[in-house]
């Protein structure tokens, strides 16, 4: 692993600490750098990160699920 990759992973870990473990769609979108519409569209298509829906209009994301989903979506350069 290169120094640049280590720095990138460290930066990601530090930034992740400022977000709660359980996030609303707005928080999850901000964490991932995408729009809430992006997350909603992926929920409907069942292609996005895992989420919980404890009630009809309540959606929550776990920070660890978002990170794992992003890692699985990585493209080797």
Protein backbone atom coordinates (compact mmCIF):
# COMPACT_ATOMS: atom_id res chain seq x y z
CA UNK A 1 0.00 0.00 0.00
CA UNK A 2 1.40 3.37 -0.97
CA UNK A 3 1.75 6.37 1.31
CA UNK A 4 -0.99 8.17 -0.64
CA UNK A 5 -3.38 5.25 -0.06
CA UNK A 6 -2.58 5.19 3.64
CA UNK A 7 -3.18 8.93 3.92
CA UNK A 8 -6.49 8.55 2.06
CA UNK A 9 -7.62 5.76 4.41
CA UNK A 10 -6.60 7.78 7.46
CA UNK A 11 -8.45 10.85 6.19
CA UNK A 12 -11.56 8.73 5.59
CA UNK A 13 -11.37 7.27 9.09
CA UNK A 14 -11.02 10.70 10.68
CA UNK A 15 -13.88 12.16 8.66
CA UNK A 16 -16.10 9.17 9.47
CA UNK A 17 -15.68 9.79 13.19
CA UNK A 18 -17.59 13.08 12.89
CA UNK A 19 -20.71 11.26 11.65
CA UNK A 20 -23.00 9.25 13.94
CA UNK A 21 -23.10 5.45 13.74
CA UNK A 22 -26.76 5.56 12.67
CA UNK A 23 -27.65 8.20 10.07
CA UNK A 24 -30.67 9.72 8.44
CA UNK A 25 -30.72 9.74 4.61
CA UNK A 26 -29.56 13.39 4.69
CA UNK A 27 -26.59 12.54 6.90
CA UNK A 28 -25.76 9.44 4.84
CA UNK A 29 -25.87 11.46 1.62
CA UNK A 30 -23.55 14.08 3.08
CA UNK A 31 -21.21 11.37 4.39
CA UNK A 32 -21.01 9.75 0.94
CA UNK A 33 -20.96 13.01 -1.01
CA UNK A 34 -24.13 12.21 -2.96
CA UNK A 35 -27.68 13.56 -3.01
CA UNK A 36 -30.60 12.20 -1.03
CA UNK A 37 -32.24 11.51 -4.39
CA UNK A 38 -29.31 9.25 -5.29
CA UNK A 39 -29.87 7.19 -2.15
CA UNK A 40 -33.64 7.09 -2.66
CA UNK A 41 -33.24 5.94 -6.26
CA UNK A 42 -30.86 3.18 -5.17
CA UNK A 43 -33.26 2.09 -2.42
CA UNK A 44 -36.04 1.77 -4.97
CA UNK A 45 -33.75 -0.15 -7.34
CA UNK A 46 -32.44 -2.26 -4.45
CA UNK A 47 -28.90 -1.55 -5.61
CA UNK A 48 -27.60 0.81 -2.95
CA UNK A 49 -26.13 0.42 0.49
CA UNK A 50 -28.05 -1.56 3.12
CA UNK A 51 -30.56 0.43 5.16
CA UNK A 52 -33.11 -0.12 7.90
CA UNK A 53 -36.73 0.93 7.69
CA UNK A 54 -38.27 0.63 11.17
CA UNK A 55 -41.44 2.42 9.99
CA UNK A 56 -42.95 3.35 6.64
CA UNK A 57 -41.45 6.84 6.44
CA UNK A 58 -38.30 6.24 8.50
CA UNK A 59 -35.05 5.17 6.82
CA UNK A 60 -31.72 4.84 8.59
CA UNK A 61 -28.23 3.91 7.45
CA UNK A 62 -25.41 2.50 9.54
CA UNK A 63 -22.06 4.17 8.98
CA UNK A 64 -20.29 0.80 8.79
CA UNK A 65 -22.70 -0.37 6.05
CA UNK A 66 -22.00 2.75 4.01
CA UNK A 67 -18.25 2.29 4.32
CA UNK A 68 -18.49 -1.41 3.41
CA UNK A 69 -20.69 -0.64 0.40
CA UNK A 70 -18.26 2.03 -0.79
CA UNK A 71 -15.34 -0.39 -0.38
CA UNK A 72 -17.15 -3.05 -2.42
CA UNK A 73 -17.77 -0.44 -5.14
CA UNK A 74 -14.10 0.53 -5.45
CA UNK A 75 -12.50 0.43 -8.87
CA UNK A 76 -8.85 -0.51 -9.10
CA UNK A 77 -6.76 2.17 -10.77
